[in-house]
Amino acid sequence: MISVEENKKSFFIPNRTPKLPFSPQKFYTKYMAIRHYHHRYHFSYLTSKKRHFSAALIVIAALTLILLALFHYLTPQRVLDLNDLSPTIILLASFNTLFRLLVAYTLSLALSLPIALLITKNERMEKILLPVSDIIQSVPVLAFFPIIVLVFIKLHATEGAVVFILFMAMLWNLVFSMIGGLKTIPKDILDAAKIFNIKGFIKLRYVTIPAIFPFIITGSLLAWAQGWSILIVAEALHSYIPSGMVNSDPLGLGSLLVNAFSKGENSVFLGALITMVVLITLINFFVWQKLLHLAERFKFD
């Protein structure tokens, strides 16, 4: 049965289907709506608010990452210079910092799910890998910071040093949150997936990720909090470089805070601090609060 709208009046005409050479009847009646406006057919795919929100979130995140990358790599000033500061430089430092956090979080999120799935694959793997992971995440990231910085400095990749430190700080928050989520999936859900032979990527997309989505959001919130905390140290690279100078630090809010405080530049320190607080507040309000609210829909009663 196809819904036809003509002259703003809706009625149904049984057994009358427009000829579509590319698609059988059951496909476009199930997945598509076909409407008739003044002798012209209009096709629209049936979807839901949930899918619209997910698609919009992915597009916004991708565009944000692209824009931050453009700001980060196309701007001429890439290192810190306390003698040449302005509101524009502080804004640019904010973009640089946000870009590094986004890159580190994206890498952490992409790697944490396979690690969590590997650890919880079976009891034997869990008994071996879970204690090892717990020991690794218990070691402070800053303990390896001087070695990591020196390695990246020799490779002429100071940005890589900052991102790697942020990545290591964020990773384990996501891994252990996902492990907790995977352990709480109800057995009847897993049994139903097994009965219907749902496995591989389809199981990951429609069973595993929706089931642990609240834990992913919680872990992400903790990961970003850890990232903001370690950022102040991660961007102040000159402290870990032999004969390092302030000008060798990458431009960012963390390096601005550390170096402005050490130089007694109170106005710069205050401006960078206020900018960081505003950024954290905006991200918390417009991103995490929305995602936490959405995650409530994925919780098992």
C-alpha atoms as a PDB file:
ATOM      1  CA  MET A   1       0.000   0.000   0.000  1.00  0.00           C
ATOM      2  CA  ILE A   2       1.519   3.345  -1.103  1.00  0.00           C
ATOM      3  CA  SER A   3       0.675   6.693   0.418  1.00  0.00           C
ATOM      4  CA  VAL A   4      -0.168   9.277  -2.252  1.00  0.00           C
ATOM      5  CA  GLU A   5      -0.620  12.967  -1.574  1.00  0.00           C
ATOM      6  CA  GLU A   6      -2.217  15.052  -4.301  1.00  0.00           C
ATOM      7  CA  ASN A   7      -3.453  18.600  -3.984  1.00  0.00           C
ATOM      8  CA  LYS A   8      -2.757  18.474  -0.228  1.00  0.00           C
ATOM      9  CA  LYS A   9      -5.213  15.584   0.289  1.00  0.00           C
ATOM     10  CA  SER A  10      -3.955  12.182   1.469  1.00  0.00           C
ATOM     11  CA  PHE A  11      -5.606   8.933   0.396  1.00  0.00           C
ATOM     12  CA  PHE A  12      -4.527   5.381  -0.332  1.00  0.00           C
ATOM     13  CA  ILE A  13      -4.773   3.609  -3.657  1.00  0.00           C
ATOM     14  CA  PRO A  14      -4.249  -0.163  -3.339  1.00  0.00           C
ATOM     15  CA  ASN A  15      -2.328  -2.115  -5.942  1.00  0.00           C
ATOM     16  CA  ARG A  16      -1.071   1.036  -7.686  1.00  0.00           C
ATOM     17  CA  THR A  17       2.694   1.246  -7.559  1.00  0.00           C
ATOM     18  CA  PRO A  18       4.952   3.528  -9.569  1.00  0.00           C
ATOM     19  CA  LYS A  19       7.255   1.663 -11.862  1.00  0.00           C
ATOM     20  CA  LEU A  20      10.726   1.632 -10.434  1.00  0.00           C
ATOM     21  CA  PRO A  21      13.107  -0.454 -12.504  1.00  0.00           C
ATOM     22  CA  PHE A  22      15.810  -0.520  -9.830  1.00  0.00           C
ATOM     23  CA  SER A  23      13.964  -1.783  -6.789  1.00  0.00           C
ATOM     24  CA  PRO A  24      11.399  -4.448  -5.835  1.00  0.00           C
ATOM     25  CA  GLN A  25       8.107  -3.558  -4.157  1.00  0.00           C
ATOM     26  CA  LYS A  26       9.012  -4.820  -0.685  1.00  0.00           C
ATOM     27  CA  PHE A  27      12.168  -2.695  -0.531  1.00  0.00           C
ATOM     28  CA  TYR A  28      10.731   0.732  -1.171  1.00  0.00           C
ATOM     29  CA  THR A  29       7.519   0.104   0.744  1.00  0.00           C
ATOM     30  CA  LYS A  30       9.530  -0.935   3.800  1.00  0.00           C
ATOM     31  CA  TYR A  31      12.384   1.570   3.666  1.00  0.00           C
ATOM     32  CA  MET A  32      11.044   4.450   1.588  1.00  0.00           C
ATOM     33  CA  ALA A  33       8.011   6.717   1.519  1.00  0.00           C
ATOM     34  CA  ILE A  34       6.679   7.573  -1.940  1.00  0.00           C
ATOM     35  CA  ARG A  35       4.539  10.686  -2.338  1.00  0.00           C
ATOM     36  CA  HIS A  36       2.934  12.200  -5.390  1.00  0.00           C
ATOM     37  CA  TYR A  37       3.012  15.994  -5.721  1.00  0.00           C
ATOM     38  CA  HIS A  38       1.362  17.406  -8.832  1.00  0.00           C
ATOM     39  CA  HIS A  39       2.268  14.417 -10.985  1.00  0.00           C
ATOM     40  CA  ARG A  40       5.823  14.223  -9.631  1.00  0.00           C
ATOM     41  CA  TYR A  41       7.061  11.495  -7.352  1.00  0.00           C
ATOM     42  CA  HIS A  42       9.050  12.393  -4.262  1.00  0.00           C
ATOM     43  CA  PHE A  43      11.093   9.742  -2.428  1.00  0.00           C
ATOM     44  CA  SER A  44      12.201   9.997   1.205  1.00  0.00           C
ATOM     45  CA  TYR A  45      13.969   7.383   3.312  1.00  0.00           C
ATOM     46  CA  LEU A  46      12.266   6.412   6.539  1.00  0.00           C
ATOM     47  CA  THR A  47      14.483   7.147   9.520  1.00  0.00           C
ATOM     48  CA  SER A  48      14.290   8.126  13.184  1.00  0.00           C
ATOM     49  CA  LYS A  49      15.367  10.961  15.454  1.00  0.00           C
ATOM     50  CA  LYS A  50      17.997   8.661  16.956  1.00  0.00           C
ATOM     51  CA  ARG A  51      19.632   8.084  13.568  1.00  0.00           C
ATOM     52  CA  HIS A  52      19.399  11.780  12.718  1.00  0.00           C
ATOM     53  CA  PHE A  53      21.124  12.667  15.995  1.00  0.00           C
ATOM     54  CA  SER A  54      23.867  10.061  15.491  1.00  0.00           C
ATOM     55  CA  ALA A  55      24.522  11.187  11.924  1.00  0.00           C
ATOM     56  CA  ALA A  56      24.542  14.861  12.935  1.00  0.00           C
ATOM     57  CA  LEU A  57      26.930  14.118  15.809  1.00  0.00           C
ATOM     58  CA  ILE A  58      29.364  12.293  13.507  1.00  0.00           C
ATOM     59  CA  VAL A  59      29.251  15.075  10.911  1.00  0.00           C
ATOM     60  CA  ILE A  60      29.744  17.825  13.521  1.00  0.00           C
ATOM     61  CA  ALA A  61      32.656  15.942  15.111  1.00  0.00           C
ATOM     62  CA  ALA A  62      34.299  15.380  11.725  1.00  0.00           C
ATOM     63  CA  LEU A  63      33.868  19.017  10.686  1.00  0.00           C
ATOM     64  CA  THR A  64      35.189  20.220  14.030  1.00  0.00           C
ATOM     65  CA  LEU A  65      38.267  18.033  13.716  1.00  0.00           C
ATOM     66  CA  ILE A  66      38.883  19.220  10.147  1.00  0.00           C
ATOM     67  CA  LEU A  67      38.494  22.901  11.076  1.00  0.00           C
ATOM     68  CA  LEU A  68      40.765  22.554  14.091  1.00  0.00           C
ATOM     69  CA  ALA A  69      43.332  20.768  11.931  1.00  0.00           C
ATOM     70  CA  LEU A  70      43.234  23.610   9.418  1.00  0.00           C
ATOM     71  CA  PHE A  71      43.650  26.226  12.147  1.00  0.00           C
ATOM     72  CA  HIS A  72      46.417  24.169  13.710  1.00  0.00           C
ATOM     73  CA  TYR A  73      48.532  23.575  10.626  1.00  0.00           C
ATOM     74  CA  LEU A  74      47.862  26.700   8.565  1.00  0.00           C
ATOM     75  CA  THR A  75      48.639  29.279  11.240  1.00  0.00           C
ATOM     76  CA  PRO A  76      52.140  30.747  11.105  1.00  0.00           C
ATOM     77  CA  GLN A  77      52.766  30.846  14.862  1.00  0.00           C
ATOM     78  CA  ARG A  78      53.357  27.319  16.127  1.00  0.00           C
ATOM     79  CA  VAL A  79      55.551  27.976  19.180  1.00  0.00           C
ATOM     80  CA  LEU A  80      55.072  30.009  22.320  1.00  0.00           C
ATOM     81  CA  ASP A  81      56.284  33.594  22.476  1.00  0.00           C
ATOM     82  CA  LEU A  82      55.332  35.473  25.645  1.00  0.00           C
ATOM     83  CA  ASN A  83      56.606  38.718  24.156  1.00  0.00           C
ATOM     84  CA  ASP A  84      54.006  38.667  21.386  1.00  0.00           C
ATOM     85  CA  LEU A  85      50.644  37.870  22.941  1.00  0.00           C
ATOM     86  CA  SER A  86      47.181  39.090  22.103  1.00  0.00           C
ATOM     87  CA  PRO A  87      43.590  37.815  22.374  1.00  0.00           C
ATOM     88  CA  THR A  88      44.052  36.324  18.907  1.00  0.00           C
ATOM     89  CA  ILE A  89      47.070  34.314  20.073  1.00  0.00           C
ATOM     90  CA  ILE A  90      45.149  33.043  23.113  1.00  0.00           C
ATOM     91  CA  LEU A  91      42.294  32.017  20.807  1.00  0.00           C
ATOM     92  CA  LEU A  92      44.774  30.272  18.530  1.00  0.00           C
ATOM     93  CA  ALA A  93      46.288  28.499  21.538  1.00  0.00           C
ATOM     94  CA  SER A  94      42.777  27.314  22.427  1.00  0.00           C
ATOM     95  CA  PHE A  95      42.315  25.822  18.957  1.00  0.00           C
ATOM     96  CA  ASN A  96      45.697  24.092  19.176  1.00  0.00           C
ATOM     97  CA  THR A  97      44.916  22.631  22.580  1.00  0.00           C
ATOM     98  CA  LEU A  98      41.473  21.464  21.547  1.00  0.00           C
ATOM     99  CA  PHE A  99      42.895  19.872  18.408  1.00  0.00           C
ATOM    100  CA  ARG A 100      45.488  17.902  20.391  1.00  0.00           C
ATOM    101  CA  LEU A 101      42.846  16.696  22.825  1.00  0.00           C
ATOM    102  CA  LEU A 102      40.537  15.625  20.001  1.00  0.00           C
ATOM    103  CA  VAL A 103      43.289  13.715  18.201  1.00  0.00           C
ATOM    104  CA  ALA A 104      44.378  11.975  21.412  1.00  0.00           C
ATOM    105  CA  TYR A 105      40.779  11.117  22.309  1.00  0.00           C
ATOM    106  CA  THR A 106      40.041   9.775  18.819  1.00  0.00           C
ATOM    107  CA  LEU A 107      43.100   7.513  18.955  1.00  0.00           C
ATOM    108  CA  SER A 108      42.214   6.379  22.485  1.00  0.00           C
ATOM    109  CA  LEU A 109      38.629   5.591  21.538  1.00  0.00           C
ATOM    110  CA  ALA A 110      39.690   3.676  18.429  1.00  0.00           C
ATOM    111  CA  LEU A 111      42.191   1.546  20.359  1.00  0.00           C
ATOM    112  CA  SER A 112      40.338   1.066  23.637  1.00  0.00           C
ATOM    113  CA  LEU A 113      37.440  -0.931  22.187  1.00  0.00           C
ATOM    114  CA  PRO A 114      39.639  -3.662  20.612  1.00  0.00           C
ATOM    115  CA  ILE A 115      41.674  -3.867  23.843  1.00  0.00           C
ATOM    116  CA  ALA A 116      38.529  -4.212  25.965  1.00  0.00           C
ATOM    117  CA  LEU A 117      37.098  -6.858  23.617  1.00  0.00           C
ATOM    118  CA  LEU A 118      40.381  -8.782  23.676  1.00  0.00           C
ATOM    119  CA  ILE A 119      40.592  -8.740  27.481  1.00  0.00           C
ATOM    120  CA  THR A 120      37.002  -9.953  27.913  1.00  0.00           C
ATOM    121  CA  LYS A 121      37.117 -12.482  25.068  1.00  0.00           C
ATOM    122  CA  ASN A 122      37.286 -15.428  27.482  1.00  0.00           C
ATOM    123  CA  GLU A 123      38.177 -16.132  31.097  1.00  0.00           C
ATOM    124  CA  ARG A 124      41.713 -17.230  30.304  1.00  0.00           C
ATOM    125  CA  MET A 125      42.524 -14.032  28.419  1.00  0.00           C
ATOM    126  CA  GLU A 126      40.947 -11.979  31.181  1.00  0.00           C
ATOM    127  CA  LYS A 127      43.035 -13.630  33.903  1.00  0.00           C
ATOM    128  CA  ILE A 128      46.220 -12.838  31.972  1.00  0.00           C
ATOM    129  CA  LEU A 129      45.571  -9.440  30.388  1.00  0.00           C
ATOM    130  CA  LEU A 130      43.470  -7.718  33.051  1.00  0.00           C
ATOM    131  CA  PRO A 131      46.204  -7.692  35.754  1.00  0.00           C
ATOM    132  CA  VAL A 132      48.783  -6.619  33.144  1.00  0.00           C
ATOM    133  CA  SER A 133      46.560  -3.733  32.017  1.00  0.00           C
ATOM    134  CA  ASP A 134      45.919  -2.750  35.620  1.00  0.00           C
ATOM    135  CA  ILE A 135      49.648  -2.562  36.316  1.00  0.00           C
ATOM    136  CA  ILE A 136      50.333  -0.530  33.179  1.00  0.00           C
ATOM    137  CA  GLN A 137      47.617   1.999  33.913  1.00  0.00           C
ATOM    138  CA  SER A 138      48.812   2.317  37.521  1.00  0.00           C
ATOM    139  CA  VAL A 139      52.220   3.575  36.380  1.00  0.00           C
ATOM    140  CA  PRO A 140      52.096   7.406  36.202  1.00  0.00           C
ATOM    141  CA  VAL A 141      52.310   8.735  32.670  1.00  0.00           C
ATOM    142  CA  LEU A 142      54.744  11.427  33.760  1.00  0.00           C
ATOM    143  CA  ALA A 143      57.255   8.747  34.761  1.00  0.00           C
ATOM    144  CA  PHE A 144      57.880   8.072  31.066  1.00  0.00           C
ATOM    145  CA  PHE A 145      57.451  11.686  29.985  1.00  0.00           C
ATOM    146  CA  PRO A 146      61.163  12.681  29.747  1.00  0.00           C
ATOM    147  CA  ILE A 147      62.012   9.595  27.648  1.00  0.00           C
ATOM    148  CA  ILE A 148      58.979  10.071  25.385  1.00  0.00           C
ATOM    149  CA  VAL A 149      59.769  13.751  24.874  1.00  0.00           C
ATOM    150  CA  LEU A 150      63.402  13.047  23.984  1.00  0.00           C
ATOM    151  CA  VAL A 151      62.366  10.384  21.455  1.00  0.00           C
ATOM    152  CA  PHE A 152      59.892  12.678  19.746  1.00  0.00           C
ATOM    153  CA  ILE A 153      62.289  15.621  19.842  1.00  0.00           C
ATOM    154  CA  LYS A 154      64.876  13.547  17.972  1.00  0.00           C
ATOM    155  CA  LEU A 155      62.182  12.772  15.405  1.00  0.00           C
ATOM    156  CA  HIS A 156      61.386  16.526  15.195  1.00  0.00           C
ATOM    157  CA  ALA A 157      57.785  15.839  16.237  1.00  0.00           C
ATOM    158  CA  THR A 158      56.994  17.927  19.308  1.00  0.00           C
ATOM    159  CA  GLU A 159      53.288  17.775  18.493  1.00  0.00           C
ATOM    160  CA  GLY A 160      53.527  13.997  18.542  1.00  0.00           C
ATOM    161  CA  ALA A 161      54.985  14.084  22.054  1.00  0.00           C
ATOM    162  CA  VAL A 162      52.040  16.120  23.398  1.00  0.00           C
ATOM    163  CA  VAL A 163      49.432  13.971  21.641  1.00  0.00           C
ATOM    164  CA  PHE A 164      51.098  10.735  22.797  1.00  0.00           C
ATOM    165  CA  ILE A 165      51.130  11.830  26.437  1.00  0.00           C
ATOM    166  CA  LEU A 166      47.459  12.824  26.215  1.00  0.00           C
ATOM    167  CA  PHE A 167      46.674   9.536  24.480  1.00  0.00           C
ATOM    168  CA  MET A 168      48.309   7.493  27.255  1.00  0.00           C
ATOM    169  CA  ALA A 169      46.478   9.502  29.904  1.00  0.00           C
ATOM    170  CA  MET A 170      43.074   9.013  28.231  1.00  0.00           C
ATOM    171  CA  LEU A 171      43.372   5.404  27.064  1.00  0.00           C
ATOM    172  CA  TRP A 172      42.938   3.452  30.277  1.00  0.00           C
ATOM    173  CA  ASN A 173      39.908   5.423  31.447  1.00  0.00           C
ATOM    174  CA  LEU A 174      38.129   4.256  28.302  1.00  0.00           C
ATOM    175  CA  VAL A 175      39.474   0.689  28.430  1.00  0.00           C
ATOM    176  CA  PHE A 176      38.359  -0.061  31.982  1.00  0.00           C
ATOM    177  CA  SER A 177      35.012   1.665  31.496  1.00  0.00           C
ATOM    178  CA  MET A 178      34.353  -0.510  28.447  1.00  0.00           C
ATOM    179  CA  ILE A 179      35.445  -3.646  30.290  1.00  0.00           C
ATOM    180  CA  GLY A 180      32.928  -2.824  33.014  1.00  0.00           C
ATOM    181  CA  GLY A 181      30.244  -2.314  30.374  1.00  0.00           C
ATOM    182  CA  LEU A 182      31.030  -5.581  28.596  1.00  0.00           C
ATOM    183  CA  LYS A 183      30.762  -7.493  31.891  1.00  0.00           C
ATOM    184  CA  THR A 184      27.289  -6.100  32.579  1.00  0.00           C
ATOM    185  CA  ILE A 185      25.608  -7.086  29.299  1.00  0.00           C
ATOM    186  CA  PRO A 186      22.699  -9.379  30.271  1.00  0.00           C
ATOM    187  CA  LYS A 187      23.193 -13.030  29.390  1.00  0.00           C
ATOM    188  CA  ASP A 188      19.837 -13.251  27.628  1.00  0.00           C
ATOM    189  CA  ILE A 189      20.942 -10.517  25.202  1.00  0.00           C
ATOM    190  CA  LEU A 190      24.081 -12.464  24.344  1.00  0.00           C
ATOM    191  CA  ASP A 191      22.105 -15.705  24.068  1.00  0.00           C
ATOM    192  CA  ALA A 192      19.611 -14.065  21.720  1.00  0.00           C
ATOM    193  CA  ALA A 193      22.452 -12.821  19.508  1.00  0.00           C
ATOM    194  CA  LYS A 194      23.906 -16.329  19.463  1.00  0.00           C
ATOM    195  CA  ILE A 195      20.575 -17.932  18.593  1.00  0.00           C
ATOM    196  CA  PHE A 196      20.042 -15.588  15.647  1.00  0.00           C
ATOM    197  CA  ASN A 197      23.679 -16.131  14.569  1.00  0.00           C
ATOM    198  CA  ILE A 198      24.558 -12.464  15.000  1.00  0.00           C
ATOM    199  CA  LYS A 199      28.327 -12.092  15.136  1.00  0.00           C
ATOM    200  CA  GLY A 200      31.226 -10.104  13.838  1.00  0.00           C
ATOM    201  CA  PHE A 201      30.726  -6.475  12.873  1.00  0.00           C
ATOM    202  CA  ILE A 202      26.914  -6.746  12.974  1.00  0.00           C
ATOM    203  CA  LYS A 203      27.025  -7.896  16.592  1.00  0.00           C
ATOM    204  CA  LEU A 204      29.508  -5.146  17.429  1.00  0.00           C
ATOM    205  CA  ARG A 205      27.303  -2.468  15.866  1.00  0.00           C
ATOM    206  CA  TYR A 206      23.851  -3.572  16.994  1.00  0.00           C
ATOM    207  CA  VAL A 207      24.523  -5.397  20.274  1.00  0.00           C
ATOM    208  CA  THR A 208      27.902  -4.600  21.850  1.00  0.00           C
ATOM    209  CA  ILE A 209      28.297  -0.851  21.244  1.00  0.00           C
ATOM    210  CA  PRO A 210      24.677   0.063  22.166  1.00  0.00           C
ATOM    211  CA  ALA A 211      24.974  -2.079  25.308  1.00  0.00           C
ATOM    212  CA  ILE A 212      28.154  -0.377  26.504  1.00  0.00           C
ATOM    213  CA  PHE A 213      27.316   3.099  25.190  1.00  0.00           C
ATOM    214  CA  PRO A 214      26.644   4.556  28.693  1.00  0.00           C
ATOM    215  CA  PHE A 215      30.032   3.234  29.831  1.00  0.00           C
ATOM    216  CA  ILE A 216      31.745   4.708  26.771  1.00  0.00           C
ATOM    217  CA  ILE A 217      30.306   8.128  27.600  1.00  0.00           C
ATOM    218  CA  THR A 218      31.327   7.847  31.258  1.00  0.00           C
ATOM    219  CA  GLY A 219      34.821   6.733  30.288  1.00  0.00           C
ATOM    220  CA  SER A 220      35.072   9.534  27.735  1.00  0.00           C
ATOM    221  CA  LEU A 221      34.117  12.102  30.352  1.00  0.00           C
ATOM    222  CA  LEU A 222      36.824  10.774  32.687  1.00  0.00           C
ATOM    223  CA  ALA A 223      39.327  10.606  29.817  1.00  0.00           C
ATOM    224  CA  TRP A 224      38.780  14.253  28.880  1.00  0.00           C
ATOM    225  CA  ALA A 225      39.075  15.292  32.524  1.00  0.00           C
ATOM    226  CA  GLN A 226      42.380  13.430  32.710  1.00  0.00           C
ATOM    227  CA  GLY A 227      43.463  15.034  29.443  1.00  0.00           C
ATOM    228  CA  TRP A 228      42.773  18.552  30.701  1.00  0.00           C
ATOM    229  CA  SER A 229      44.703  17.781  33.888  1.00  0.00           C
ATOM    230  CA  ILE A 230      47.789  16.421  32.139  1.00  0.00           C
ATOM    231  CA  LEU A 231      47.675  19.047  29.390  1.00  0.00           C
ATOM    232  CA  ILE A 232      49.322  21.697  31.542  1.00  0.00           C
ATOM    233  CA  VAL A 233      52.398  19.497  31.901  1.00  0.00           C
ATOM    234  CA  ALA A 234      52.306  17.931  28.427  1.00  0.00           C
ATOM    235  CA  GLU A 235      52.603  21.253  26.592  1.00  0.00           C
ATOM    236  CA  ALA A 236      55.459  22.570  28.745  1.00  0.00           C
ATOM    237  CA  LEU A 237      58.104  20.534  26.929  1.00  0.00           C
ATOM    238  CA  HIS A 238      61.075  22.771  27.723  1.00  0.00           C
ATOM    239  CA  SER A 239      61.183  21.396  31.267  1.00  0.00           C
ATOM    240  CA  TYR A 240      62.126  17.972  29.896  1.00  0.00           C
ATOM    241  CA  ILE A 241      64.462  19.030  27.081  1.00  0.00           C
ATOM    242  CA  PRO A 242      68.159  19.471  27.887  1.00  0.00           C
ATOM    243  CA  SER A 243      68.890  23.222  27.687  1.00  0.00           C
ATOM    244  CA  GLY A 244      65.278  23.706  26.647  1.00  0.00           C
ATOM    245  CA  MET A 245      63.860  27.183  26.154  1.00  0.00           C
ATOM    246  CA  VAL A 246      60.322  28.486  26.563  1.00  0.00           C
ATOM    247  CA  ASN A 247      60.184  29.157  22.816  1.00  0.00           C
ATOM    248  CA  SER A 248      60.517  25.432  22.182  1.00  0.00           C
ATOM    249  CA  ASP A 249      57.097  24.766  23.720  1.00  0.00           C
ATOM    250  CA  PRO A 250      54.195  24.230  21.309  1.00  0.00           C
ATOM    251  CA  LEU A 251      51.600  26.984  21.459  1.00  0.00           C
ATOM    252  CA  GLY A 252      48.673  25.962  23.657  1.00  0.00           C
ATOM    253  CA  LEU A 253      46.733  26.862  26.767  1.00  0.00           C
ATOM    254  CA  GLY A 254      48.846  24.545  28.929  1.00  0.00           C
ATOM    255  CA  SER A 255      52.148  26.109  27.867  1.00  0.00           C
ATOM    256  CA  LEU A 256      50.639  29.581  28.279  1.00  0.00           C
ATOM    257  CA  LEU A 257      49.598  28.816  31.858  1.00  0.00           C
ATOM    258  CA  VAL A 258      52.901  27.264  32.924  1.00  0.00           C
ATOM    259  CA  ASN A 259      55.206  29.805  31.325  1.00  0.00           C
ATOM    260  CA  ALA A 260      53.090  32.864  32.158  1.00  0.00           C
ATOM    261  CA  PHE A 261      53.063  31.812  35.822  1.00  0.00           C
ATOM    262  CA  SER A 262      56.824  31.214  35.871  1.00  0.00           C
ATOM    263  CA  LYS A 263      57.474  34.615  34.238  1.00  0.00           C
ATOM    264  CA  GLY A 264      55.030  36.466  36.470  1.00  0.00           C
ATOM    265  CA  GLU A 265      52.778  37.454  33.558  1.00  0.00           C
ATOM    266  CA  ASN A 266      49.586  37.598  35.605  1.00  0.00           C
ATOM    267  CA  SER A 267      47.367  39.020  32.851  1.00  0.00           C
ATOM    268  CA  VAL A 268      48.396  36.266  30.408  1.00  0.00           C
ATOM    269  CA  PHE A 269      47.934  33.611  33.076  1.00  0.00           C
ATOM    270  CA  LEU A 270      44.476  34.911  33.971  1.00  0.00           C
ATOM    271  CA  GLY A 271      43.417  35.163  30.322  1.00  0.00           C
ATOM    272  CA  ALA A 272      44.548  31.604  29.556  1.00  0.00           C
ATOM    273  CA  LEU A 273      42.895  30.273  32.720  1.00  0.00           C
ATOM    274  CA  ILE A 274      39.558  31.960  31.967  1.00  0.00           C
ATOM    275  CA  THR A 275      39.683  30.680  28.378  1.00  0.00           C
ATOM    276  CA  MET A 276      40.301  27.127  29.582  1.00  0.00           C
ATOM    277  CA  VAL A 277      37.440  27.297  32.096  1.00  0.00           C
ATOM    278  CA  VAL A 278      35.069  28.644  29.422  1.00  0.00           C
ATOM    279  CA  LEU A 279      36.103  25.899  26.989  1.00  0.00           C
ATOM    280  CA  ILE A 280      35.593  23.149  29.577  1.00  0.00           C
ATOM    281  CA  THR A 281      32.204  24.593  30.542  1.00  0.00           C
ATOM    282  CA  LEU A 282      30.990  24.836  26.947  1.00  0.00           C
ATOM    283  CA  ILE A 283      32.124  21.307  26.105  1.00  0.00           C
ATOM    284  CA  ASN A 284      30.515  19.948  29.263  1.00  0.00           C
ATOM    285  CA  PHE A 285      27.216  21.719  28.597  1.00  0.00           C
ATOM    286  CA  PHE A 286      26.862  21.217  24.840  1.00  0.00           C
ATOM    287  CA  VAL A 287      28.527  17.798  24.488  1.00  0.00           C
ATOM    288  CA  TRP A 288      28.749  15.703  27.634  1.00  0.00           C
ATOM    289  CA  GLN A 289      25.417  16.669  29.166  1.00  0.00           C
ATOM    290  CA  LYS A 290      23.644  15.833  25.890  1.00  0.00           C
ATOM    291  CA  LEU A 291      25.483  12.531  25.560  1.00  0.00           C
ATOM    292  CA  LEU A 292      24.833  11.575  29.188  1.00  0.00           C
ATOM    293  CA  HIS A 293      21.147  12.242  28.633  1.00  0.00           C
ATOM    294  CA  LEU A 294      21.211  10.127  25.459  1.00  0.00           C
ATOM    295  CA  ALA A 295      23.049   7.319  27.255  1.00  0.00           C
ATOM    296  CA  GLU A 296      20.104   6.895  29.650  1.00  0.00           C
ATOM    297  CA  ARG A 297      18.139   5.411  26.744  1.00  0.00           C
ATOM    298  CA  PHE A 298      20.679   2.595  26.342  1.00  0.00           C
ATOM    299  CA  LYS A 299      20.689   1.400  29.955  1.00  0.00           C
ATOM    300  CA  PHE A 300      19.177  -1.978  30.813  1.00  0.00           C
ATOM    301  CA  ASP A 301      16.311  -1.809  33.305  1.00  0.00           C
END
